[in-house]
């Protein structure tokens, strides 16, 4: 079986990209709506996977770090796509509906 490894530079690139995306989004709706609660859940998952990625990177587990950061960005992308988070029209950071 082939062994794969991701460089720390590539992981750092995607960490920066995901942190940029996280800083850009905002929750759609007010704190009384069900959508607000769902958006908070999404952002909680993003934070957990982002933290996991940094931990794995610090432990030298590059493949796990890369997987975790991609999950984090996937959660953000999903939140934007489903309309819980506002991606501010940034089609380079998110998959936007047409």
C-alpha atoms as a PDB file:
ATOM      1  CA  UNK A   1       0.000   0.000   0.000  1.00  0.00           C
ATOM      2  CA  UNK A   2       1.272   3.467  -0.860  1.00  0.00           C
ATOM      3  CA  UNK A   3       2.139   5.837   1.957  1.00  0.00           C
ATOM      4  CA  UNK A   4       0.978   9.407   1.560  1.00  0.00           C
ATOM      5  CA  UNK A   5       2.221  12.436   3.375  1.00  0.00           C
ATOM      6  CA  UNK A   6       1.346  16.082   3.119  1.00  0.00           C
ATOM      7  CA  UNK A   7       4.001  18.755   3.570  1.00  0.00           C
ATOM      8  CA  UNK A   8       3.722  21.145   6.490  1.00  0.00           C
ATOM      9  CA  UNK A   9       3.781  24.021   3.968  1.00  0.00           C
ATOM     10  CA  UNK A  10       0.663  22.681   2.282  1.00  0.00           C
ATOM     11  CA  UNK A  11      -1.072  22.190   5.606  1.00  0.00           C
ATOM     12  CA  UNK A  12      -0.149  25.733   6.683  1.00  0.00           C
ATOM     13  CA  UNK A  13      -1.541  27.045   3.372  1.00  0.00           C
ATOM     14  CA  UNK A  14      -4.905  25.376   4.000  1.00  0.00           C
ATOM     15  CA  UNK A  15      -4.949  26.391   7.662  1.00  0.00           C
ATOM     16  CA  UNK A  16      -4.523  30.020   6.570  1.00  0.00           C
ATOM     17  CA  UNK A  17      -7.217  29.644   3.910  1.00  0.00           C
ATOM     18  CA  UNK A  18      -9.693  28.147   6.373  1.00  0.00           C
ATOM     19  CA  UNK A  19      -8.926  30.770   9.022  1.00  0.00           C
ATOM     20  CA  UNK A  20      -9.503  33.467   6.369  1.00  0.00           C
ATOM     21  CA  UNK A  21     -12.837  31.854   5.466  1.00  0.00           C
ATOM     22  CA  UNK A  22     -13.838  31.576   9.123  1.00  0.00           C
ATOM     23  CA  UNK A  23     -13.069  35.258   9.681  1.00  0.00           C
ATOM     24  CA  UNK A  24     -15.204  36.183   6.673  1.00  0.00           C
ATOM     25  CA  UNK A  25     -18.431  34.351   7.520  1.00  0.00           C
ATOM     26  CA  UNK A  26     -21.232  35.627   9.667  1.00  0.00           C
ATOM     27  CA  UNK A  27     -24.373  33.946  10.930  1.00  0.00           C
ATOM     28  CA  UNK A  28     -27.515  34.674   8.953  1.00  0.00           C
ATOM     29  CA  UNK A  29     -30.495  35.614  11.117  1.00  0.00           C
ATOM     30  CA  UNK A  30     -30.900  36.617  14.702  1.00  0.00           C
ATOM     31  CA  UNK A  31     -30.183  34.719  17.890  1.00  0.00           C
ATOM     32  CA  UNK A  32     -33.838  33.689  18.333  1.00  0.00           C
ATOM     33  CA  UNK A  33     -34.008  31.689  15.096  1.00  0.00           C
ATOM     34  CA  UNK A  34     -33.453  27.966  14.694  1.00  0.00           C
ATOM     35  CA  UNK A  35     -31.050  28.726  11.858  1.00  0.00           C
ATOM     36  CA  UNK A  36     -28.878  30.728  14.252  1.00  0.00           C
ATOM     37  CA  UNK A  37     -28.540  27.699  16.517  1.00  0.00           C
ATOM     38  CA  UNK A  38     -27.639  25.497  13.552  1.00  0.00           C
ATOM     39  CA  UNK A  39     -25.052  28.031  12.392  1.00  0.00           C
ATOM     40  CA  UNK A  40     -23.521  28.051  15.875  1.00  0.00           C
ATOM     41  CA  UNK A  41     -23.292  24.247  15.772  1.00  0.00           C
ATOM     42  CA  UNK A  42     -21.533  24.455  12.416  1.00  0.00           C
ATOM     43  CA  UNK A  43     -19.055  27.026  13.722  1.00  0.00           C
ATOM     44  CA  UNK A  44     -18.416  24.863  16.780  1.00  0.00           C
ATOM     45  CA  UNK A  45     -17.512  21.940  14.520  1.00  0.00           C
ATOM     46  CA  UNK A  46     -15.266  24.194  12.437  1.00  0.00           C
ATOM     47  CA  UNK A  47     -13.460  25.286  15.589  1.00  0.00           C
ATOM     48  CA  UNK A  48     -13.028  21.707  16.774  1.00  0.00           C
ATOM     49  CA  UNK A  49     -11.590  20.494  13.470  1.00  0.00           C
ATOM     50  CA  UNK A  50      -9.367  23.567  13.196  1.00  0.00           C
ATOM     51  CA  UNK A  51      -8.023  22.885  16.674  1.00  0.00           C
ATOM     52  CA  UNK A  52      -7.538  19.203  15.846  1.00  0.00           C
ATOM     53  CA  UNK A  53      -5.613  20.123  12.712  1.00  0.00           C
ATOM     54  CA  UNK A  54      -3.216  22.354  14.651  1.00  0.00           C
ATOM     55  CA  UNK A  55      -2.749  19.669  17.293  1.00  0.00           C
ATOM     56  CA  UNK A  56      -2.031  16.973  14.716  1.00  0.00           C
ATOM     57  CA  UNK A  57       0.438  19.266  12.958  1.00  0.00           C
ATOM     58  CA  UNK A  58       2.258  19.932  16.239  1.00  0.00           C
ATOM     59  CA  UNK A  59       2.464  16.167  16.820  1.00  0.00           C
ATOM     60  CA  UNK A  60       3.957  15.549  13.365  1.00  0.00           C
ATOM     61  CA  UNK A  61       0.803  13.852  12.087  1.00  0.00           C
ATOM     62  CA  UNK A  62       0.572  15.703   8.789  1.00  0.00           C
ATOM     63  CA  UNK A  63      -1.944  13.461   7.062  1.00  0.00           C
ATOM     64  CA  UNK A  64      -4.331  13.754  10.021  1.00  0.00           C
ATOM     65  CA  UNK A  65      -3.789  17.535  10.171  1.00  0.00           C
ATOM     66  CA  UNK A  66      -4.586  17.856   6.475  1.00  0.00           C
ATOM     67  CA  UNK A  67      -7.721  15.728   6.816  1.00  0.00           C
ATOM     68  CA  UNK A  68      -8.941  17.752   9.807  1.00  0.00           C
ATOM     69  CA  UNK A  69      -8.427  21.127   8.122  1.00  0.00           C
ATOM     70  CA  UNK A  70     -10.326  19.917   5.084  1.00  0.00           C
ATOM     71  CA  UNK A  71     -13.205  18.827   7.315  1.00  0.00           C
ATOM     72  CA  UNK A  72     -13.178  22.278   8.951  1.00  0.00           C
ATOM     73  CA  UNK A  73     -13.390  24.034   5.603  1.00  0.00           C
ATOM     74  CA  UNK A  74     -16.033  21.576   4.422  1.00  0.00           C
ATOM     75  CA  UNK A  75     -18.225  22.462   7.402  1.00  0.00           C
ATOM     76  CA  UNK A  76     -17.835  26.174   6.594  1.00  0.00           C
ATOM     77  CA  UNK A  77     -18.609  25.589   2.937  1.00  0.00           C
ATOM     78  CA  UNK A  78     -21.692  23.581   3.850  1.00  0.00           C
ATOM     79  CA  UNK A  79     -22.924  26.283   6.222  1.00  0.00           C
ATOM     80  CA  UNK A  80     -22.623  28.878   3.477  1.00  0.00           C
ATOM     81  CA  UNK A  81     -24.179  26.645   0.843  1.00  0.00           C
ATOM     82  CA  UNK A  82     -27.180  25.816   3.047  1.00  0.00           C
ATOM     83  CA  UNK A  83     -27.751  29.456   3.951  1.00  0.00           C
ATOM     84  CA  UNK A  84     -26.862  29.359   7.656  1.00  0.00           C
ATOM     85  CA  UNK A  85     -23.678  31.381   7.150  1.00  0.00           C
ATOM     86  CA  UNK A  86     -23.041  34.384   4.938  1.00  0.00           C
ATOM     87  CA  UNK A  87     -19.913  33.949   2.836  1.00  0.00           C
ATOM     88  CA  UNK A  88     -20.148  37.525   1.556  1.00  0.00           C
ATOM     89  CA  UNK A  89     -20.320  36.322  -2.052  1.00  0.00           C
ATOM     90  CA  UNK A  90     -16.749  35.012  -2.000  1.00  0.00           C
ATOM     91  CA  UNK A  91     -16.788  32.239  -4.593  1.00  0.00           C
ATOM     92  CA  UNK A  92     -13.047  31.648  -4.104  1.00  0.00           C
ATOM     93  CA  UNK A  93     -13.500  30.582  -0.480  1.00  0.00           C
ATOM     94  CA  UNK A  94     -16.921  28.944  -0.743  1.00  0.00           C
ATOM     95  CA  UNK A  95     -19.120  26.943  -3.088  1.00  0.00           C
ATOM     96  CA  UNK A  96     -21.950  29.378  -3.658  1.00  0.00           C
ATOM     97  CA  UNK A  97     -25.396  28.670  -5.034  1.00  0.00           C
ATOM     98  CA  UNK A  98     -26.051  30.109  -8.454  1.00  0.00           C
END
